[in-house]
Amino acid sequence: MFIKGFGGFAQPDPITYDGPFPINKTEEAHGGNYAAELVSIDTTGSDNMLGQKVPKVTAGSIFLGTFVAINALTDPMTTTLFGIEYTEKPLLVKGFFKYTPGTEFYNSNGVLEPNTKDECALSAVLYEVEDVKKETLDGNNIYTSDKIVASAVYTNTGTSEYTPFELKLEYKKDKEYDPNKKYKFAVIFSASKDGAAYNAAVGSRLLVDDVTIINE
């Protein structure tokens, strides 16, 4: 529900993958028939994708924005382009989640860190742009850019039952919302909070359901 499709691109050799997928639908829902299931999966970690290193763990995540697969060949952090054009002032994102962290945490180099526990992350970011078609924050700067006007981040180490969450956006004092300006809004849910940097635990599982965005 929060992901746009991949753009097609040519590749000289076919790449096959027969393992589990990080994003699924599940009947283990809070309301209705299905919920979103996000799982951080073991993708082996080797130099086998057009000469580029495949991470040991790929975190399951969904977001408002665009996934650009071809960017993985040059700058993996820019595969996730966070945010869509937004013409309202968002105040709150709420919903329900359930989370089980994986037991084996690996860093971006594929090294096991036995004393590190994974956490899920639920976040929302509103940022200002001059050109909605040309400007989009990515994995490098979605939480640090000076374009950010308001944000909210929630992390959790585990809950066995569906639990309500509320992301109340905090607006910066020096950046009041102006309806005459242009903005993009990103809502990001990840089974591993540092998954964008390829630090995650195999098997971390986040379920998200009944999500609502409330505007002013």
N, C-alpha and C. Protein backbone atom coordinates (compact mmCIF):
# COMPACT_ATOMS: atom_id res chain seq x y z
N MET A 1 0.80 -1.22 0.00
CA MET A 1 0.00 0.00 0.00
C MET A 1 0.83 1.26 0.00
N PHE A 2 2.12 1.14 0.35
CA PHE A 2 2.96 2.33 0.41
C PHE A 2 4.12 2.25 -0.58
N ILE A 3 4.07 1.32 -1.55
CA ILE A 3 5.20 1.16 -2.45
C ILE A 3 4.75 1.26 -3.89
N LYS A 4 5.47 2.05 -4.66
CA LYS A 4 5.23 2.12 -6.08
C LYS A 4 6.13 1.08 -6.77
N GLY A 5 5.75 0.68 -7.96
CA GLY A 5 6.47 -0.39 -8.65
C GLY A 5 7.86 -0.01 -9.10
N PHE A 6 8.65 -1.03 -9.40
CA PHE A 6 10.01 -0.83 -9.88
C PHE A 6 9.97 -0.28 -11.30
N GLY A 7 11.00 0.47 -11.67
CA GLY A 7 11.19 0.82 -13.07
C GLY A 7 11.98 -0.31 -13.72
N GLY A 8 11.71 -0.61 -14.98
CA GLY A 8 12.44 -1.68 -15.65
C GLY A 8 13.84 -1.23 -16.03
N PHE A 9 14.80 -2.18 -16.07
CA PHE A 9 16.14 -1.85 -16.55
C PHE A 9 16.78 -3.09 -17.11
N ALA A 10 17.68 -2.88 -18.06
CA ALA A 10 18.33 -4.00 -18.73
C ALA A 10 19.44 -4.55 -17.85
N GLN A 11 19.63 -5.86 -17.90
CA GLN A 11 20.72 -6.49 -17.16
C GLN A 11 21.33 -7.57 -18.05
N PRO A 12 22.65 -7.64 -18.10
CA PRO A 12 23.30 -8.56 -19.03
C PRO A 12 23.12 -10.02 -18.65
N ASP A 13 22.99 -10.34 -17.39
CA ASP A 13 22.83 -11.71 -16.96
C ASP A 13 21.60 -11.82 -16.08
N PRO A 14 20.83 -12.90 -16.24
CA PRO A 14 19.65 -13.05 -15.40
C PRO A 14 20.03 -13.30 -13.96
N ILE A 15 19.27 -12.70 -13.02
CA ILE A 15 19.50 -12.90 -11.60
C ILE A 15 18.26 -13.57 -11.03
N THR A 16 18.44 -14.73 -10.46
CA THR A 16 17.30 -15.45 -9.92
C THR A 16 17.34 -15.42 -8.41
N TYR A 17 16.15 -15.46 -7.82
CA TYR A 17 16.03 -15.47 -6.36
C TYR A 17 14.85 -16.35 -6.01
N ASP A 18 15.09 -17.38 -5.20
CA ASP A 18 14.01 -18.30 -4.87
C ASP A 18 13.74 -18.37 -3.37
N GLY A 19 14.20 -17.36 -2.63
CA GLY A 19 13.99 -17.32 -1.19
C GLY A 19 12.72 -16.57 -0.83
N PRO A 20 12.49 -16.33 0.45
CA PRO A 20 11.30 -15.60 0.90
C PRO A 20 11.39 -14.12 0.53
N PHE A 21 10.26 -13.45 0.52
CA PHE A 21 10.23 -12.04 0.19
C PHE A 21 10.06 -11.21 1.46
N PRO A 22 10.63 -10.00 1.50
CA PRO A 22 10.56 -9.18 2.71
C PRO A 22 9.22 -8.51 2.94
N ILE A 23 8.36 -8.46 1.93
CA ILE A 23 7.06 -7.80 2.05
C ILE A 23 5.97 -8.78 1.62
N ASN A 24 5.01 -8.99 2.49
CA ASN A 24 3.93 -9.92 2.20
C ASN A 24 2.63 -9.40 2.81
N LYS A 25 1.53 -10.04 2.45
CA LYS A 25 0.28 -9.79 3.15
C LYS A 25 0.01 -10.99 4.05
N THR A 26 -0.61 -10.76 5.18
CA THR A 26 -0.89 -11.83 6.12
C THR A 26 -2.32 -11.72 6.63
N GLU A 27 -2.93 -12.85 6.90
CA GLU A 27 -4.28 -12.87 7.47
C GLU A 27 -4.24 -12.61 8.98
N GLU A 28 -3.04 -12.47 9.54
CA GLU A 28 -2.89 -12.15 10.96
C GLU A 28 -3.12 -10.65 11.14
N ALA A 29 -4.35 -10.24 10.93
CA ALA A 29 -4.68 -8.82 10.85
C ALA A 29 -5.27 -8.30 12.16
N HIS A 30 -5.18 -6.99 12.32
CA HIS A 30 -5.85 -6.33 13.45
C HIS A 30 -7.30 -6.05 13.10
N GLY A 31 -7.52 -5.60 11.88
CA GLY A 31 -8.86 -5.32 11.39
C GLY A 31 -8.94 -5.68 9.92
N GLY A 32 -10.12 -6.09 9.45
CA GLY A 32 -10.23 -6.48 8.06
C GLY A 32 -9.64 -7.86 7.81
N ASN A 33 -9.28 -8.11 6.55
CA ASN A 33 -8.82 -9.44 6.16
C ASN A 33 -7.31 -9.62 6.20
N TYR A 34 -6.55 -8.53 5.96
CA TYR A 34 -5.11 -8.67 5.84
C TYR A 34 -4.38 -7.53 6.55
N ALA A 35 -3.12 -7.80 6.88
CA ALA A 35 -2.19 -6.78 7.37
C ALA A 35 -0.92 -6.87 6.53
N ALA A 36 -0.08 -5.86 6.61
CA ALA A 36 1.21 -5.89 5.94
C ALA A 36 2.22 -6.60 6.83
N GLU A 37 2.95 -7.54 6.24
CA GLU A 37 3.99 -8.27 6.96
C GLU A 37 5.35 -7.89 6.39
N LEU A 38 6.23 -7.38 7.24
CA LEU A 38 7.57 -6.97 6.82
C LEU A 38 8.57 -7.83 7.57
N VAL A 39 9.45 -8.50 6.83
CA VAL A 39 10.40 -9.43 7.43
C VAL A 39 11.81 -9.12 6.93
N SER A 40 12.77 -9.04 7.84
CA SER A 40 14.17 -8.89 7.45
C SER A 40 14.71 -10.28 7.12
N ILE A 41 15.15 -10.47 5.88
CA ILE A 41 15.48 -11.80 5.40
C ILE A 41 16.97 -11.96 5.11
N ASP A 42 17.42 -13.19 5.19
CA ASP A 42 18.80 -13.55 4.89
C ASP A 42 18.97 -13.60 3.38
N THR A 43 19.76 -12.68 2.83
CA THR A 43 20.04 -12.67 1.39
C THR A 43 21.48 -13.07 1.10
N THR A 44 22.07 -13.82 2.01
CA THR A 44 23.36 -14.50 1.86
C THR A 44 24.56 -13.59 1.98
N GLY A 45 24.60 -12.51 1.20
CA GLY A 45 25.72 -11.58 1.25
C GLY A 45 26.90 -12.07 0.44
N SER A 46 26.96 -11.64 -0.80
CA SER A 46 28.07 -12.03 -1.68
C SER A 46 28.14 -11.08 -2.85
N ASP A 47 29.26 -11.10 -3.57
CA ASP A 47 29.43 -10.22 -4.73
C ASP A 47 28.87 -10.93 -5.96
N ASN A 48 27.55 -10.98 -6.06
CA ASN A 48 26.99 -11.75 -7.15
C ASN A 48 25.89 -11.03 -7.92
N MET A 49 25.72 -9.73 -7.71
CA MET A 49 24.73 -8.98 -8.48
C MET A 49 25.44 -7.93 -9.32
N LEU A 50 25.78 -8.33 -10.53
CA LEU A 50 26.50 -7.44 -11.46
C LEU A 50 27.74 -6.84 -10.81
N GLY A 51 28.42 -7.65 -10.00
CA GLY A 51 29.66 -7.21 -9.38
C GLY A 51 29.47 -6.44 -8.10
N GLN A 52 28.24 -6.18 -7.71
CA GLN A 52 27.97 -5.42 -6.50
C GLN A 52 27.64 -6.36 -5.34
N LYS A 53 28.00 -5.96 -4.14
CA LYS A 53 27.78 -6.79 -2.97
C LYS A 53 26.32 -6.82 -2.56
N VAL A 54 25.79 -8.03 -2.41
CA VAL A 54 24.45 -8.22 -1.89
C VAL A 54 24.55 -8.25 -0.37
N PRO A 55 23.71 -7.51 0.34
CA PRO A 55 23.82 -7.48 1.81
C PRO A 55 23.48 -8.82 2.43
N LYS A 56 24.05 -9.07 3.62
CA LYS A 56 23.74 -10.29 4.35
C LYS A 56 22.26 -10.33 4.71
N VAL A 57 21.72 -9.20 5.18
CA VAL A 57 20.31 -9.14 5.56
C VAL A 57 19.64 -7.97 4.85
N THR A 58 18.48 -8.23 4.27
CA THR A 58 17.68 -7.19 3.64
C THR A 58 16.44 -6.96 4.48
N ALA A 59 16.29 -5.74 4.96
CA ALA A 59 15.17 -5.42 5.86
C ALA A 59 13.87 -5.22 5.10
N GLY A 60 12.79 -5.76 5.66
CA GLY A 60 11.47 -5.53 5.09
C GLY A 60 10.98 -4.14 5.45
N SER A 61 10.54 -3.37 4.46
CA SER A 61 10.05 -2.02 4.73
C SER A 61 9.02 -1.61 3.69
N ILE A 62 8.10 -0.75 4.10
CA ILE A 62 7.16 -0.13 3.18
C ILE A 62 7.16 1.36 3.47
N PHE A 63 6.88 2.16 2.44
CA PHE A 63 6.98 3.61 2.63
C PHE A 63 6.22 4.35 1.54
N LEU A 64 5.89 5.60 1.85
CA LEU A 64 5.39 6.51 0.84
C LEU A 64 6.59 7.01 0.04
N GLY A 65 6.62 6.67 -1.23
CA GLY A 65 7.75 7.06 -2.05
C GLY A 65 7.94 6.10 -3.20
N THR A 66 9.17 5.98 -3.66
CA THR A 66 9.50 5.16 -4.82
C THR A 66 10.74 4.34 -4.57
N PHE A 67 10.72 3.09 -5.03
CA PHE A 67 11.89 2.23 -4.96
C PHE A 67 12.52 2.16 -6.34
N VAL A 68 13.81 2.52 -6.43
CA VAL A 68 14.51 2.54 -7.71
C VAL A 68 15.60 1.47 -7.69
N ALA A 69 15.29 0.30 -8.20
CA ALA A 69 16.18 -0.86 -8.08
C ALA A 69 17.54 -0.63 -8.74
N ILE A 70 17.57 0.07 -9.86
CA ILE A 70 18.83 0.23 -10.59
C ILE A 70 19.88 1.01 -9.78
N ASN A 71 19.44 1.83 -8.83
CA ASN A 71 20.39 2.59 -8.02
C ASN A 71 21.25 1.70 -7.13
N ALA A 72 20.82 0.47 -6.93
CA ALA A 72 21.60 -0.46 -6.11
C ALA A 72 22.97 -0.74 -6.73
N LEU A 73 23.11 -0.49 -8.02
CA LEU A 73 24.38 -0.76 -8.70
C LEU A 73 25.42 0.33 -8.45
N THR A 74 24.97 1.51 -8.04
CA THR A 74 25.91 2.62 -7.85
C THR A 74 25.89 3.19 -6.43
N ASP A 75 24.70 3.37 -5.87
CA ASP A 75 24.56 3.94 -4.52
C ASP A 75 23.34 3.32 -3.85
N PRO A 76 23.51 2.20 -3.14
CA PRO A 76 22.36 1.48 -2.56
C PRO A 76 21.48 2.34 -1.67
N MET A 77 22.01 3.34 -1.03
CA MET A 77 21.22 4.18 -0.13
C MET A 77 20.19 5.02 -0.88
N THR A 78 20.35 5.16 -2.20
CA THR A 78 19.40 5.95 -2.99
C THR A 78 18.37 5.07 -3.69
N THR A 79 18.33 3.78 -3.37
CA THR A 79 17.27 2.95 -3.94
C THR A 79 15.91 3.34 -3.36
N THR A 80 15.91 3.87 -2.14
CA THR A 80 14.68 4.29 -1.49
C THR A 80 14.54 5.80 -1.58
N LEU A 81 13.62 6.27 -2.39
CA LEU A 81 13.34 7.70 -2.53
C LEU A 81 12.08 7.99 -1.73
N PHE A 82 12.25 8.64 -0.58
CA PHE A 82 11.18 8.78 0.39
C PHE A 82 10.37 10.04 0.17
N GLY A 83 9.05 9.89 0.09
CA GLY A 83 8.16 11.03 0.06
C GLY A 83 7.38 11.18 -1.23
N ILE A 84 6.14 11.66 -1.07
CA ILE A 84 5.30 12.02 -2.20
C ILE A 84 4.83 13.46 -2.01
N GLU A 85 4.44 14.09 -3.10
CA GLU A 85 3.93 15.47 -3.00
C GLU A 85 2.75 15.50 -2.04
N TYR A 86 2.74 16.50 -1.15
CA TYR A 86 1.70 16.57 -0.13
C TYR A 86 1.23 18.00 0.02
N THR A 87 -0.08 18.20 -0.07
CA THR A 87 -0.63 19.56 -0.06
C THR A 87 -1.41 19.88 1.21
N GLU A 88 -1.30 19.03 2.23
CA GLU A 88 -1.96 19.28 3.51
C GLU A 88 -0.90 19.32 4.61
N LYS A 89 -1.32 19.76 5.80
CA LYS A 89 -0.42 19.78 6.95
C LYS A 89 -0.69 18.54 7.80
N PRO A 90 0.19 17.53 7.73
CA PRO A 90 -0.03 16.31 8.53
C PRO A 90 0.26 16.56 10.00
N LEU A 91 -0.58 16.01 10.85
CA LEU A 91 -0.42 16.16 12.29
C LEU A 91 -0.07 14.83 12.97
N LEU A 92 -0.63 13.74 12.46
CA LEU A 92 -0.52 12.48 13.18
C LEU A 92 -0.67 11.30 12.21
N VAL A 93 0.14 10.29 12.44
CA VAL A 93 -0.03 9.00 11.76
C VAL A 93 -0.25 7.96 12.85
N LYS A 94 -1.34 7.21 12.74
CA LYS A 94 -1.62 6.24 13.78
C LYS A 94 -2.02 4.90 13.17
N GLY A 95 -1.93 3.85 13.96
CA GLY A 95 -2.29 2.53 13.50
C GLY A 95 -1.97 1.50 14.56
N PHE A 96 -1.80 0.26 14.13
CA PHE A 96 -1.50 -0.83 15.04
C PHE A 96 -0.34 -1.65 14.49
N PHE A 97 0.49 -2.16 15.39
CA PHE A 97 1.63 -2.97 14.96
C PHE A 97 1.89 -4.11 15.94
N LYS A 98 2.60 -5.10 15.44
CA LYS A 98 3.06 -6.23 16.25
C LYS A 98 4.48 -6.53 15.78
N TYR A 99 5.39 -6.80 16.71
CA TYR A 99 6.80 -6.94 16.31
C TYR A 99 7.53 -8.02 17.08
N THR A 100 8.28 -8.84 16.34
CA THR A 100 9.17 -9.83 16.91
C THR A 100 10.56 -9.63 16.32
N PRO A 101 11.58 -9.27 17.10
CA PRO A 101 12.92 -9.08 16.56
C PRO A 101 13.59 -10.41 16.25
N GLY A 102 14.43 -10.41 15.24
CA GLY A 102 15.21 -11.61 14.92
C GLY A 102 16.29 -11.83 15.97
N THR A 103 16.88 -13.01 15.96
CA THR A 103 17.87 -13.36 16.99
C THR A 103 19.31 -13.19 16.55
N GLU A 104 19.57 -13.14 15.23
CA GLU A 104 20.95 -13.00 14.73
C GLU A 104 21.09 -11.68 14.00
N PHE A 105 21.78 -10.73 14.64
CA PHE A 105 21.94 -9.39 14.08
C PHE A 105 23.27 -9.28 13.35
N TYR A 106 23.22 -8.80 12.11
CA TYR A 106 24.43 -8.63 11.29
C TYR A 106 24.59 -7.17 10.92
N ASN A 107 25.85 -6.71 10.88
CA ASN A 107 26.08 -5.35 10.41
C ASN A 107 26.21 -5.34 8.89
N SER A 108 26.44 -4.17 8.32
CA SER A 108 26.46 -4.02 6.87
C SER A 108 27.59 -4.79 6.19
N ASN A 109 28.59 -5.19 6.98
CA ASN A 109 29.69 -5.99 6.43
C ASN A 109 29.42 -7.49 6.55
N GLY A 110 28.23 -7.85 7.03
CA GLY A 110 27.88 -9.25 7.16
C GLY A 110 28.47 -9.92 8.38
N VAL A 111 28.91 -9.12 9.37
CA VAL A 111 29.52 -9.66 10.58
C VAL A 111 28.46 -9.80 11.67
N LEU A 112 28.37 -10.95 12.28
CA LEU A 112 27.39 -11.20 13.34
C LEU A 112 27.74 -10.39 14.58
N GLU A 113 26.74 -9.69 15.14
CA GLU A 113 26.91 -8.92 16.37
C GLU A 113 25.98 -9.53 17.42
N PRO A 114 26.46 -10.52 18.17
CA PRO A 114 25.60 -11.28 19.08
C PRO A 114 24.99 -10.46 20.21
N ASN A 115 25.56 -9.32 20.54
CA ASN A 115 25.04 -8.51 21.65
C ASN A 115 24.13 -7.37 21.20
N THR A 116 23.83 -7.32 19.91
CA THR A 116 22.97 -6.26 19.38
C THR A 116 21.57 -6.80 19.14
N LYS A 117 20.56 -6.10 19.65
CA LYS A 117 19.17 -6.50 19.47
C LYS A 117 18.51 -5.58 18.46
N ASP A 118 17.77 -6.17 17.55
CA ASP A 118 17.10 -5.39 16.52
C ASP A 118 15.88 -4.67 17.08
N GLU A 119 15.47 -3.60 16.40
CA GLU A 119 14.27 -2.84 16.74
C GLU A 119 13.55 -2.49 15.45
N CYS A 120 12.23 -2.40 15.52
CA CYS A 120 11.49 -1.89 14.37
C CYS A 120 11.46 -0.37 14.45
N ALA A 121 11.12 0.26 13.34
CA ALA A 121 11.01 1.72 13.31
C ALA A 121 9.78 2.12 12.53
N LEU A 122 8.99 3.03 13.11
CA LEU A 122 7.82 3.61 12.47
C LEU A 122 8.05 5.11 12.46
N SER A 123 8.03 5.72 11.29
CA SER A 123 8.38 7.14 11.24
C SER A 123 7.59 7.89 10.19
N ALA A 124 7.58 9.22 10.35
CA ALA A 124 6.93 10.12 9.40
C ALA A 124 7.78 11.37 9.27
N VAL A 125 7.96 11.84 8.04
CA VAL A 125 8.81 13.01 7.79
C VAL A 125 8.14 13.90 6.74
N LEU A 126 7.99 15.19 7.07
CA LEU A 126 7.52 16.19 6.11
C LEU A 126 8.69 17.10 5.79
N TYR A 127 8.94 17.32 4.50
CA TYR A 127 10.06 18.20 4.14
C TYR A 127 9.68 19.10 2.96
N GLU A 128 10.37 20.23 2.90
CA GLU A 128 10.09 21.25 1.89
C GLU A 128 10.97 21.04 0.65
N VAL A 129 10.39 21.31 -0.52
CA VAL A 129 11.14 21.22 -1.77
C VAL A 129 10.82 22.44 -2.63
N GLU A 130 11.72 22.72 -3.56
CA GLU A 130 11.46 23.76 -4.55
C GLU A 130 10.79 23.16 -5.78
N ASP A 131 11.16 21.92 -6.10
CA ASP A 131 10.64 21.24 -7.28
C ASP A 131 10.24 19.82 -6.88
N VAL A 132 8.95 19.50 -6.90
CA VAL A 132 8.49 18.19 -6.43
C VAL A 132 8.92 17.05 -7.34
N LYS A 133 9.24 17.37 -8.60
CA LYS A 133 9.66 16.33 -9.53
C LYS A 133 11.15 16.01 -9.43
N LYS A 134 11.94 16.98 -9.01
CA LYS A 134 13.39 16.80 -9.02
C LYS A 134 14.00 16.57 -7.64
N GLU A 135 13.28 16.89 -6.58
CA GLU A 135 13.85 16.79 -5.23
C GLU A 135 13.15 15.71 -4.41
N THR A 136 13.93 14.76 -3.92
CA THR A 136 13.41 13.71 -3.05
C THR A 136 14.52 13.27 -2.11
N LEU A 137 14.22 13.17 -0.83
CA LEU A 137 15.20 12.66 0.12
C LEU A 137 15.29 11.14 0.01
N ASP A 138 16.44 10.60 0.40
CA ASP A 138 16.67 9.16 0.28
C ASP A 138 17.26 8.60 1.56
N GLY A 139 17.77 7.38 1.48
CA GLY A 139 18.31 6.73 2.67
C GLY A 139 19.48 7.45 3.30
N ASN A 140 20.14 8.31 2.55
CA ASN A 140 21.28 9.05 3.09
C ASN A 140 20.86 10.20 4.00
N ASN A 141 19.69 10.80 3.74
CA ASN A 141 19.38 12.07 4.40
C ASN A 141 17.94 12.23 4.89
N ILE A 142 17.13 11.17 4.88
CA ILE A 142 15.73 11.30 5.22
C ILE A 142 15.51 11.78 6.66
N TYR A 143 16.48 11.54 7.55
CA TYR A 143 16.32 11.98 8.93
C TYR A 143 17.25 13.13 9.31
N THR A 144 18.10 13.56 8.39
CA THR A 144 19.11 14.57 8.73
C THR A 144 19.06 15.83 7.87
N SER A 145 18.33 15.83 6.79
CA SER A 145 18.33 16.96 5.86
C SER A 145 17.81 18.24 6.50
N ASP A 146 18.38 19.38 6.09
CA ASP A 146 17.90 20.67 6.60
C ASP A 146 16.59 21.09 5.92
N LYS A 147 16.11 20.27 4.98
CA LYS A 147 14.82 20.53 4.35
C LYS A 147 13.65 20.06 5.22
N ILE A 148 13.95 19.26 6.25
CA ILE A 148 12.89 18.68 7.08
C ILE A 148 12.16 19.76 7.86
N VAL A 149 10.84 19.72 7.81
CA VAL A 149 9.98 20.68 8.51
C VAL A 149 9.40 20.06 9.78
N ALA A 150 9.04 18.79 9.70
CA ALA A 150 8.46 18.10 10.85
C ALA A 150 8.75 16.61 10.75
N SER A 151 8.83 15.94 11.90
CA SER A 151 9.11 14.50 11.88
C SER A 151 8.67 13.84 13.17
N ALA A 152 8.58 12.52 13.11
CA ALA A 152 8.27 11.71 14.28
C ALA A 152 8.84 10.33 14.03
N VAL A 153 9.49 9.76 15.04
CA VAL A 153 10.08 8.43 14.92
C VAL A 153 9.76 7.63 16.18
N TYR A 154 9.32 6.40 15.97
CA TYR A 154 9.02 5.51 17.10
C TYR A 154 9.72 4.18 16.86
N THR A 155 10.42 3.67 17.86
CA THR A 155 11.08 2.37 17.76
C THR A 155 10.57 1.46 18.86
N ASN A 156 10.70 0.15 18.63
CA ASN A 156 10.21 -0.81 19.62
C ASN A 156 11.02 -2.10 19.51
N THR A 157 11.26 -2.74 20.64
CA THR A 157 12.07 -3.96 20.67
C THR A 157 11.23 -5.23 20.63
N GLY A 158 9.89 -5.09 20.68
CA GLY A 158 9.07 -6.28 20.56
C GLY A 158 7.76 -6.19 21.32
N THR A 159 6.68 -6.67 20.68
CA THR A 159 5.38 -6.77 21.33
C THR A 159 4.64 -7.92 20.69
N SER A 160 4.12 -8.83 21.52
CA SER A 160 3.51 -10.06 21.01
C SER A 160 2.06 -9.87 20.57
N GLU A 161 1.45 -8.76 20.97
CA GLU A 161 0.07 -8.48 20.60
C GLU A 161 0.01 -7.17 19.82
N TYR A 162 -1.03 -7.02 19.01
CA TYR A 162 -1.20 -5.76 18.29
C TYR A 162 -1.28 -4.61 19.29
N THR A 163 -0.48 -3.60 19.02
CA THR A 163 -0.33 -2.46 19.92
C THR A 163 -0.55 -1.17 19.13
N PRO A 164 -1.31 -0.22 19.66
CA PRO A 164 -1.51 1.04 18.94
C PRO A 164 -0.25 1.89 18.94
N PHE A 165 -0.05 2.63 17.87
CA PHE A 165 1.05 3.59 17.82
C PHE A 165 0.52 4.92 17.30
N GLU A 166 1.17 6.00 17.71
CA GLU A 166 0.85 7.34 17.23
C GLU A 166 2.14 8.08 16.93
N LEU A 167 2.27 8.55 15.71
CA LEU A 167 3.41 9.38 15.32
C LEU A 167 2.93 10.82 15.24
N LYS A 168 3.16 11.58 16.31
CA LYS A 168 2.76 12.98 16.35
C LYS A 168 3.90 13.83 15.80
N LEU A 169 3.65 14.44 14.67
CA LEU A 169 4.72 15.19 14.02
C LEU A 169 5.08 16.43 14.83
N GLU A 170 6.37 16.60 15.08
CA GLU A 170 6.87 17.77 15.78
C GLU A 170 7.44 18.74 14.74
N TYR A 171 6.85 19.93 14.69
CA TYR A 171 7.27 20.94 13.73
C TYR A 171 8.40 21.77 14.31
N LYS A 172 9.40 22.04 13.49
CA LYS A 172 10.53 22.85 13.94
C LYS A 172 10.08 24.30 14.13
N LYS A 173 10.61 24.92 15.18
CA LYS A 173 10.19 26.28 15.52
C LYS A 173 10.53 27.28 14.43
N ASP A 174 11.61 27.02 13.71
CA ASP A 174 12.03 27.97 12.68
C ASP A 174 11.49 27.62 11.29
N LYS A 175 10.57 26.61 11.23
CA LYS A 175 10.03 26.20 9.94
C LYS A 175 8.53 25.93 10.06
N GLU A 176 7.78 26.98 10.16
CA GLU A 176 6.33 26.84 10.24
C GLU A 176 5.77 26.36 8.90
N TYR A 177 4.69 25.62 8.97
CA TYR A 177 4.05 25.14 7.74
C TYR A 177 3.46 26.32 6.98
N ASP A 178 3.71 26.37 5.68
CA ASP A 178 3.22 27.44 4.82
C ASP A 178 2.49 26.81 3.64
N PRO A 179 1.18 26.97 3.53
CA PRO A 179 0.42 26.34 2.43
C PRO A 179 0.83 26.82 1.05
N ASN A 180 1.59 27.91 0.99
CA ASN A 180 2.05 28.42 -0.31
C ASN A 180 3.35 27.76 -0.77
N LYS A 181 3.96 26.97 0.11
CA LYS A 181 5.20 26.28 -0.24
C LYS A 181 4.91 24.85 -0.69
N LYS A 182 5.94 24.18 -1.20
CA LYS A 182 5.79 22.82 -1.70
C LYS A 182 6.43 21.84 -0.71
N TYR A 183 5.74 20.70 -0.51
CA TYR A 183 6.23 19.73 0.46
C TYR A 183 6.12 18.31 -0.09
N LYS A 184 6.93 17.44 0.52
CA LYS A 184 6.78 16.00 0.33
C LYS A 184 6.66 15.35 1.70
N PHE A 185 5.89 14.27 1.73
CA PHE A 185 5.62 13.59 2.99
C PHE A 185 5.96 12.11 2.85
N ALA A 186 6.71 11.60 3.83
CA ALA A 186 7.08 10.19 3.83
C ALA A 186 6.62 9.53 5.11
N VAL A 187 6.00 8.37 4.98
CA VAL A 187 5.69 7.50 6.10
C VAL A 187 6.47 6.22 5.86
N ILE A 188 7.25 5.80 6.85
CA ILE A 188 8.18 4.68 6.66
C ILE A 188 8.01 3.67 7.80
N PHE A 189 7.80 2.42 7.44
CA PHE A 189 7.75 1.34 8.42
C PHE A 189 8.83 0.33 8.06
N SER A 190 9.66 -0.05 9.03
CA SER A 190 10.75 -0.99 8.76
C SER A 190 10.86 -2.02 9.87
N ALA A 191 11.10 -3.27 9.50
CA ALA A 191 11.28 -4.34 10.47
C ALA A 191 12.62 -4.22 11.19
N SER A 192 13.53 -3.43 10.63
CA SER A 192 14.84 -3.18 11.26
C SER A 192 15.13 -1.69 11.13
N LYS A 193 15.28 -1.00 12.27
CA LYS A 193 15.36 0.46 12.24
C LYS A 193 16.55 0.98 11.45
N ASP A 194 17.63 0.21 11.40
CA ASP A 194 18.80 0.63 10.64
C ASP A 194 18.95 -0.19 9.37
N GLY A 195 17.82 -0.70 8.90
CA GLY A 195 17.85 -1.56 7.72
C GLY A 195 18.29 -0.85 6.46
N ALA A 196 18.04 0.46 6.36
CA ALA A 196 18.46 1.20 5.16
C ALA A 196 19.97 1.18 5.00
N ALA A 197 20.70 1.02 6.12
CA ALA A 197 22.16 0.93 6.08
C ALA A 197 22.62 -0.53 6.13
N TYR A 198 21.67 -1.45 5.96
CA TYR A 198 21.95 -2.89 5.91
C TYR A 198 22.48 -3.44 7.23
N ASN A 199 21.99 -2.90 8.32
CA ASN A 199 22.24 -3.45 9.66
C ASN A 199 20.90 -3.98 10.16
N ALA A 200 20.80 -5.31 10.33
CA ALA A 200 19.50 -5.90 10.66
C ALA A 200 19.67 -7.33 11.16
N ALA A 201 18.61 -7.83 11.78
CA ALA A 201 18.60 -9.21 12.27
C ALA A 201 17.74 -10.08 11.36
N VAL A 202 18.24 -11.26 11.05
CA VAL A 202 17.49 -12.20 10.24
C VAL A 202 16.22 -12.61 10.99
N GLY A 203 15.09 -12.50 10.32
CA GLY A 203 13.84 -12.94 10.91
C GLY A 203 13.06 -11.89 11.67
N SER A 204 13.56 -10.66 11.78
CA SER A 204 12.77 -9.61 12.42
C SER A 204 11.47 -9.45 11.64
N ARG A 205 10.34 -9.46 12.37
CA ARG A 205 9.02 -9.48 11.70
C ARG A 205 8.13 -8.40 12.29
N LEU A 206 7.68 -7.51 11.40
CA LEU A 206 6.80 -6.41 11.78
C LEU A 206 5.48 -6.52 11.02
N LEU A 207 4.38 -6.50 11.75
CA LEU A 207 3.06 -6.45 11.16
C LEU A 207 2.48 -5.07 11.40
N VAL A 208 1.89 -4.47 10.37
CA VAL A 208 1.29 -3.14 10.46
C VAL A 208 -0.10 -3.18 9.86
N ASP A 209 -1.06 -2.55 10.54
CA ASP A 209 -2.43 -2.60 10.05
C ASP A 209 -3.20 -1.34 10.50
N ASP A 210 -4.29 -1.06 9.78
CA ASP A 210 -5.22 0.02 10.13
C ASP A 210 -4.50 1.36 10.31
N VAL A 211 -3.72 1.74 9.30
CA VAL A 211 -2.95 2.98 9.38
C VAL A 211 -3.80 4.17 8.88
N THR A 212 -3.74 5.27 9.64
CA THR A 212 -4.50 6.47 9.29
C THR A 212 -3.59 7.69 9.38
N ILE A 213 -3.68 8.58 8.40
CA ILE A 213 -2.98 9.86 8.44
C ILE A 213 -3.99 10.95 8.74
N ILE A 214 -3.74 11.74 9.77
CA ILE A 214 -4.65 12.82 10.16
C ILE A 214 -3.99 14.17 9.84
N ASN A 215 -4.69 14.98 9.06
CA ASN A 215 -4.19 16.30 8.69
C ASN A 215 -4.93 17.39 9.46
N GLU A 216 -4.36 18.57 9.45
CA GLU A 216 -4.98 19.70 10.16
C GLU A 216 -6.30 20.07 9.50
